[in-house]
C-alpha atoms as a PDB file:
ATOM      1  CA  UNK A   1      -4.436  -3.997   0.311  1.00  0.00           C
ATOM      2  CA  UNK A   2      -7.562  -4.877  -1.840  1.00  0.00           C
ATOM      3  CA  UNK A   3      -8.519  -2.789  -4.884  1.00  0.00           C
ATOM      4  CA  UNK A   4     -11.637  -0.633  -4.376  1.00  0.00           C
ATOM      5  CA  UNK A   5     -14.183   0.234  -7.078  1.00  0.00           C
ATOM      6  CA  UNK A   6     -13.095   3.800  -6.771  1.00  0.00           C
ATOM      7  CA  UNK A   7      -9.251   3.047  -7.254  1.00  0.00           C
ATOM      8  CA  UNK A   8     -10.254   0.943 -10.437  1.00  0.00           C
ATOM      9  CA  UNK A   9     -12.446   3.635 -11.568  1.00  0.00           C
ATOM     10  CA  UNK A  10     -10.033   6.455 -11.206  1.00  0.00           C
ATOM     11  CA  UNK A  11      -7.086   4.423 -12.592  1.00  0.00           C
ATOM     12  CA  UNK A  12      -9.060   3.694 -15.692  1.00  0.00           C
ATOM     13  CA  UNK A  13      -9.510   7.471 -16.081  1.00  0.00           C
ATOM     14  CA  UNK A  14      -5.687   7.787 -15.909  1.00  0.00           C
ATOM     15  CA  UNK A  15      -5.310   4.923 -18.583  1.00  0.00           C
ATOM     16  CA  UNK A  16      -7.659   7.146 -20.696  1.00  0.00           C
ATOM     17  CA  UNK A  17      -5.139   9.853 -20.330  1.00  0.00           C
ATOM     18  CA  UNK A  18      -2.291   7.359 -21.253  1.00  0.00           C
ATOM     19  CA  UNK A  19      -4.289   6.564 -24.447  1.00  0.00           C
ATOM     20  CA  UNK A  20      -4.251  10.232 -25.326  1.00  0.00           C
ATOM     21  CA  UNK A  21      -0.586  10.406 -25.008  1.00  0.00           C
ATOM     22  CA  UNK A  22      -0.284   7.413 -27.096  1.00  0.00           C
ATOM     23  CA  UNK A  23      -2.588   9.048 -29.801  1.00  0.00           C
ATOM     24  CA  UNK A  24      -0.038  11.929 -29.756  1.00  0.00           C
ATOM     25  CA  UNK A  25       3.188   9.798 -30.185  1.00  0.00           C
ATOM     26  CA  UNK A  26       4.015  10.249 -26.365  1.00  0.00           C
ATOM     27  CA  UNK A  27       5.042   7.518 -23.984  1.00  0.00           C
ATOM     28  CA  UNK A  28       1.619   6.421 -22.850  1.00  0.00           C
ATOM     29  CA  UNK A  29       1.352   7.411 -19.131  1.00  0.00           C
ATOM     30  CA  UNK A  30      -1.606   9.009 -17.640  1.00  0.00           C
ATOM     31  CA  UNK A  31      -2.505  10.649 -14.404  1.00  0.00           C
ATOM     32  CA  UNK A  32      -5.647  12.171 -12.515  1.00  0.00           C
ATOM     33  CA  UNK A  33      -5.831  13.929  -9.261  1.00  0.00           C
ATOM     34  CA  UNK A  34      -8.818  13.348  -7.085  1.00  0.00           C
ATOM     35  CA  UNK A  35     -10.218  15.203  -4.146  1.00  0.00           C
ATOM     36  CA  UNK A  36     -13.530  14.393  -2.485  1.00  0.00           C
ATOM     37  CA  UNK A  37     -14.564  12.088  -5.174  1.00  0.00           C
ATOM     38  CA  UNK A  38     -14.138  14.793  -7.849  1.00  0.00           C
ATOM     39  CA  UNK A  39     -11.370  14.704 -10.672  1.00  0.00           C
ATOM     40  CA  UNK A  40      -9.689  18.094 -10.245  1.00  0.00           C
ATOM     41  CA  UNK A  41      -6.584  17.315 -12.438  1.00  0.00           C
ATOM     42  CA  UNK A  42      -5.712  15.464 -15.468  1.00  0.00           C
ATOM     43  CA  UNK A  43      -2.458  14.788 -17.221  1.00  0.00           C
ATOM     44  CA  UNK A  44      -0.526  12.762 -19.869  1.00  0.00           C
ATOM     45  CA  UNK A  45       2.959  12.752 -21.232  1.00  0.00           C
ATOM     46  CA  UNK A  46       3.704  15.794 -23.403  1.00  0.00           C
ATOM     47  CA  UNK A  47       7.413  15.801 -23.191  1.00  0.00           C
ATOM     48  CA  UNK A  48       8.059  15.112 -26.997  1.00  0.00           C
ATOM     49  CA  UNK A  49       5.422  17.504 -28.471  1.00  0.00           C
ATOM     50  CA  UNK A  50       6.212  20.297 -25.929  1.00  0.00           C
ATOM     51  CA  UNK A  51      10.036  19.669 -26.056  1.00  0.00           C
ATOM     52  CA  UNK A  52       9.958  20.167 -22.352  1.00  0.00           C
ATOM     53  CA  UNK A  53      11.503  17.565 -19.837  1.00  0.00           C
ATOM     54  CA  UNK A  54       8.921  18.402 -17.198  1.00  0.00           C
ATOM     55  CA  UNK A  55       6.106  17.244 -19.445  1.00  0.00           C
ATOM     56  CA  UNK A  56       5.352  14.116 -17.539  1.00  0.00           C
ATOM     57  CA  UNK A  57       1.813  12.982 -16.748  1.00  0.00           C
ATOM     58  CA  UNK A  58       2.124  13.623 -13.064  1.00  0.00           C
ATOM     59  CA  UNK A  59       3.348  17.184 -13.447  1.00  0.00           C
ATOM     60  CA  UNK A  60       0.786  18.153 -15.977  1.00  0.00           C
ATOM     61  CA  UNK A  61      -2.034  16.637 -13.477  1.00  0.00           C
ATOM     62  CA  UNK A  62      -0.399  18.585 -10.739  1.00  0.00           C
ATOM     63  CA  UNK A  63      -0.453  21.859 -12.622  1.00  0.00           C
ATOM     64  CA  UNK A  64      -4.070  21.442 -13.786  1.00  0.00           C
ATOM     65  CA  UNK A  65      -5.123  20.670 -10.138  1.00  0.00           C
ATOM     66  CA  UNK A  66      -3.301  23.606  -8.761  1.00  0.00           C
ATOM     67  CA  UNK A  67      -5.130  25.841 -11.269  1.00  0.00           C
ATOM     68  CA  UNK A  68      -8.486  24.323 -10.459  1.00  0.00           C
ATOM     69  CA  UNK A  69      -7.949  24.806  -6.532  1.00  0.00           C
ATOM     70  CA  UNK A  70      -6.104  28.042  -7.134  1.00  0.00           C
ATOM     71  CA  UNK A  71      -3.204  27.130  -4.808  1.00  0.00           C
ATOM     72  CA  UNK A  72      -0.088  25.059  -5.083  1.00  0.00           C
ATOM     73  CA  UNK A  73      -0.674  22.776  -2.141  1.00  0.00           C
ATOM     74  CA  UNK A  74      -2.759  19.594  -2.786  1.00  0.00           C
ATOM     75  CA  UNK A  75      -3.358  18.134   0.826  1.00  0.00           C
ATOM     76  CA  UNK A  76      -6.328  15.773   0.799  1.00  0.00           C
ATOM     77  CA  UNK A  77      -5.840  14.847  -2.721  1.00  0.00           C
ATOM     78  CA  UNK A  78      -5.048  11.493  -4.342  1.00  0.00           C
ATOM     79  CA  UNK A  79      -2.811  11.040  -7.409  1.00  0.00           C
ATOM     80  CA  UNK A  80      -3.624   8.047  -9.864  1.00  0.00           C
ATOM     81  CA  UNK A  81      -1.053   7.326 -12.329  1.00  0.00           C
ATOM     82  CA  UNK A  82      -0.427   4.442 -14.614  1.00  0.00           C
ATOM     83  CA  UNK A  83       3.358   4.080 -14.148  1.00  0.00           C
ATOM     84  CA  UNK A  84       5.243   4.303 -10.837  1.00  0.00           C
ATOM     85  CA  UNK A  85       6.582   8.058 -10.713  1.00  0.00           C
ATOM     86  CA  UNK A  86      10.247   8.913 -11.648  1.00  0.00           C
ATOM     87  CA  UNK A  87      12.473  10.790  -9.419  1.00  0.00           C
ATOM     88  CA  UNK A  88      11.540  14.276 -10.734  1.00  0.00           C
ATOM     89  CA  UNK A  89       7.785  13.399 -10.519  1.00  0.00           C
ATOM     90  CA  UNK A  90       8.297  11.955  -6.805  1.00  0.00           C
ATOM     91  CA  UNK A  91       9.955  15.321  -5.881  1.00  0.00           C
ATOM     92  CA  UNK A  92       6.893  17.345  -7.256  1.00  0.00           C
ATOM     93  CA  UNK A  93       4.507  14.986  -5.534  1.00  0.00           C
ATOM     94  CA  UNK A  94       6.295  15.600  -2.138  1.00  0.00           C
ATOM     95  CA  UNK A  95       6.529  19.317  -2.522  1.00  0.00           C
ATOM     96  CA  UNK A  96       2.935  19.589  -3.737  1.00  0.00           C
ATOM     97  CA  UNK A  97       1.756  17.666  -0.506  1.00  0.00           C
ATOM     98  CA  UNK A  98      -0.436  15.157  -2.345  1.00  0.00           C
ATOM     99  CA  UNK A  99      -1.867  12.867   0.578  1.00  0.00           C
ATOM    100  CA  UNK A 100      -1.919   9.638  -1.586  1.00  0.00           C
ATOM    101  CA  UNK A 101      -0.211   8.067  -4.597  1.00  0.00           C
ATOM    102  CA  UNK A 102      -1.917   5.146  -6.251  1.00  0.00           C
ATOM    103  CA  UNK A 103       0.020   3.674  -9.238  1.00  0.00           C
ATOM    104  CA  UNK A 104      -0.506   0.789 -11.827  1.00  0.00           C
ATOM    105  CA  UNK A 105       2.704  -0.615 -13.103  1.00  0.00           C
ATOM    106  CA  UNK A 106       6.219  -0.491 -11.472  1.00  0.00           C
ATOM    107  CA  UNK A 107       9.104   1.127 -13.208  1.00  0.00           C
ATOM    108  CA  UNK A 108      12.072  -1.072 -12.370  1.00  0.00           C
ATOM    109  CA  UNK A 109      14.559   1.299 -14.263  1.00  0.00           C
ATOM    110  CA  UNK A 110      13.309   4.828 -13.044  1.00  0.00           C
ATOM    111  CA  UNK A 111      10.716   4.353 -10.353  1.00  0.00           C
ATOM    112  CA  UNK A 112      11.202   6.319  -7.331  1.00  0.00           C
ATOM    113  CA  UNK A 113       8.570   5.079  -5.071  1.00  0.00           C
ATOM    114  CA  UNK A 114       9.179   1.449  -4.484  1.00  0.00           C
ATOM    115  CA  UNK A 115      11.441   0.135  -7.394  1.00  0.00           C
ATOM    116  CA  UNK A 116      14.672   1.870  -7.454  1.00  0.00           C
ATOM    117  CA  UNK A 117      14.636   5.150  -5.551  1.00  0.00           C
ATOM    118  CA  UNK A 118      12.549   5.336  -2.354  1.00  0.00           C
ATOM    119  CA  UNK A 119      11.651   8.810  -2.085  1.00  0.00           C
ATOM    120  CA  UNK A 120       8.835   8.454   0.231  1.00  0.00           C
ATOM    121  CA  UNK A 121      10.601   6.237   2.832  1.00  0.00           C
ATOM    122  CA  UNK A 122      11.766   8.185   6.070  1.00  0.00           C
ATOM    123  CA  UNK A 123      10.600  10.380   8.726  1.00  0.00           C
ATOM    124  CA  UNK A 124       9.238  13.428   6.560  1.00  0.00           C
ATOM    125  CA  UNK A 125       7.253  11.405   4.056  1.00  0.00           C
ATOM    126  CA  UNK A 126       3.576  11.263   4.747  1.00  0.00           C
ATOM    127  CA  UNK A 127       2.033   9.918   1.654  1.00  0.00           C
ATOM    128  CA  UNK A 128      -0.245   6.792   1.444  1.00  0.00           C
ATOM    129  CA  UNK A 129       1.193   4.634  -1.268  1.00  0.00           C
ATOM    130  CA  UNK A 130      -0.938   1.981  -3.168  1.00  0.00           C
ATOM    131  CA  UNK A 131       0.464   0.077  -6.104  1.00  0.00           C
ATOM    132  CA  UNK A 132      -0.684  -2.489  -8.541  1.00  0.00           C
ATOM    133  CA  UNK A 133      -4.121  -1.081  -9.398  1.00  0.00           C
ATOM    134  CA  UNK A 134      -5.038  -2.287 -12.889  1.00  0.00           C
ATOM    135  CA  UNK A 135      -1.239  -3.097 -13.148  1.00  0.00           C
ATOM    136  CA  UNK A 136      -1.664  -5.636 -16.023  1.00  0.00           C
ATOM    137  CA  UNK A 137      -3.484  -2.984 -18.295  1.00  0.00           C
ATOM    138  CA  UNK A 138      -1.132  -0.248 -17.322  1.00  0.00           C
ATOM    139  CA  UNK A 139       1.698  -2.437 -18.293  1.00  0.00           C
ATOM    140  CA  UNK A 140       0.190  -3.644 -21.437  1.00  0.00           C
ATOM    141  CA  UNK A 141      -0.277   0.052 -22.895  1.00  0.00           C
ATOM    142  CA  UNK A 142       3.616   0.665 -22.175  1.00  0.00           C
ATOM    143  CA  UNK A 143       4.639  -2.837 -23.422  1.00  0.00           C
ATOM    144  CA  UNK A 144       2.823  -2.364 -26.700  1.00  0.00           C
ATOM    145  CA  UNK A 145       4.107   1.055 -27.045  1.00  0.00           C
ATOM    146  CA  UNK A 146       7.732  -0.100 -26.659  1.00  0.00           C
ATOM    147  CA  UNK A 147       7.357  -3.234 -28.668  1.00  0.00           C
ATOM    148  CA  UNK A 148       6.101  -0.935 -31.631  1.00  0.00           C
ATOM    149  CA  UNK A 149       9.071   1.165 -31.323  1.00  0.00           C
ATOM    150  CA  UNK A 150      11.554  -1.771 -31.423  1.00  0.00           C
ATOM    151  CA  UNK A 151       9.706  -3.292 -34.475  1.00  0.00           C
ATOM    152  CA  UNK A 152       9.855  -0.213 -36.687  1.00  0.00           C
END
């Protein structure tokens, strides 16, 4: 599937969130949630600073969107995230009823969409999945972060 201008635009906003995480010493993953062309949720990793296992970009963006909408269901919304969601986040995405997931880089070790676990395969999954949007930029932020950790 070809990348649209909107996909690139919203993924660039997710990359901005990843850079906030990076500036705060977190693994640089960022996410935004969009409904009707409006960003209604933003999030980035906060796990280290919050000392909270659930402090993933996707979860933080979901909570932000729920607060803005005043409900926990996110039908008609699209999640843009710089890294393929993990198993915990994929479960939250399914439970929140997000309609679409767009991610940049694959996560071969922990990815729960296409790489390792396949949470959205099967009869009950109804989310649209798009991947590889700004994949190079998304992967580079993560690669640079982990290279920096290894070279300390």
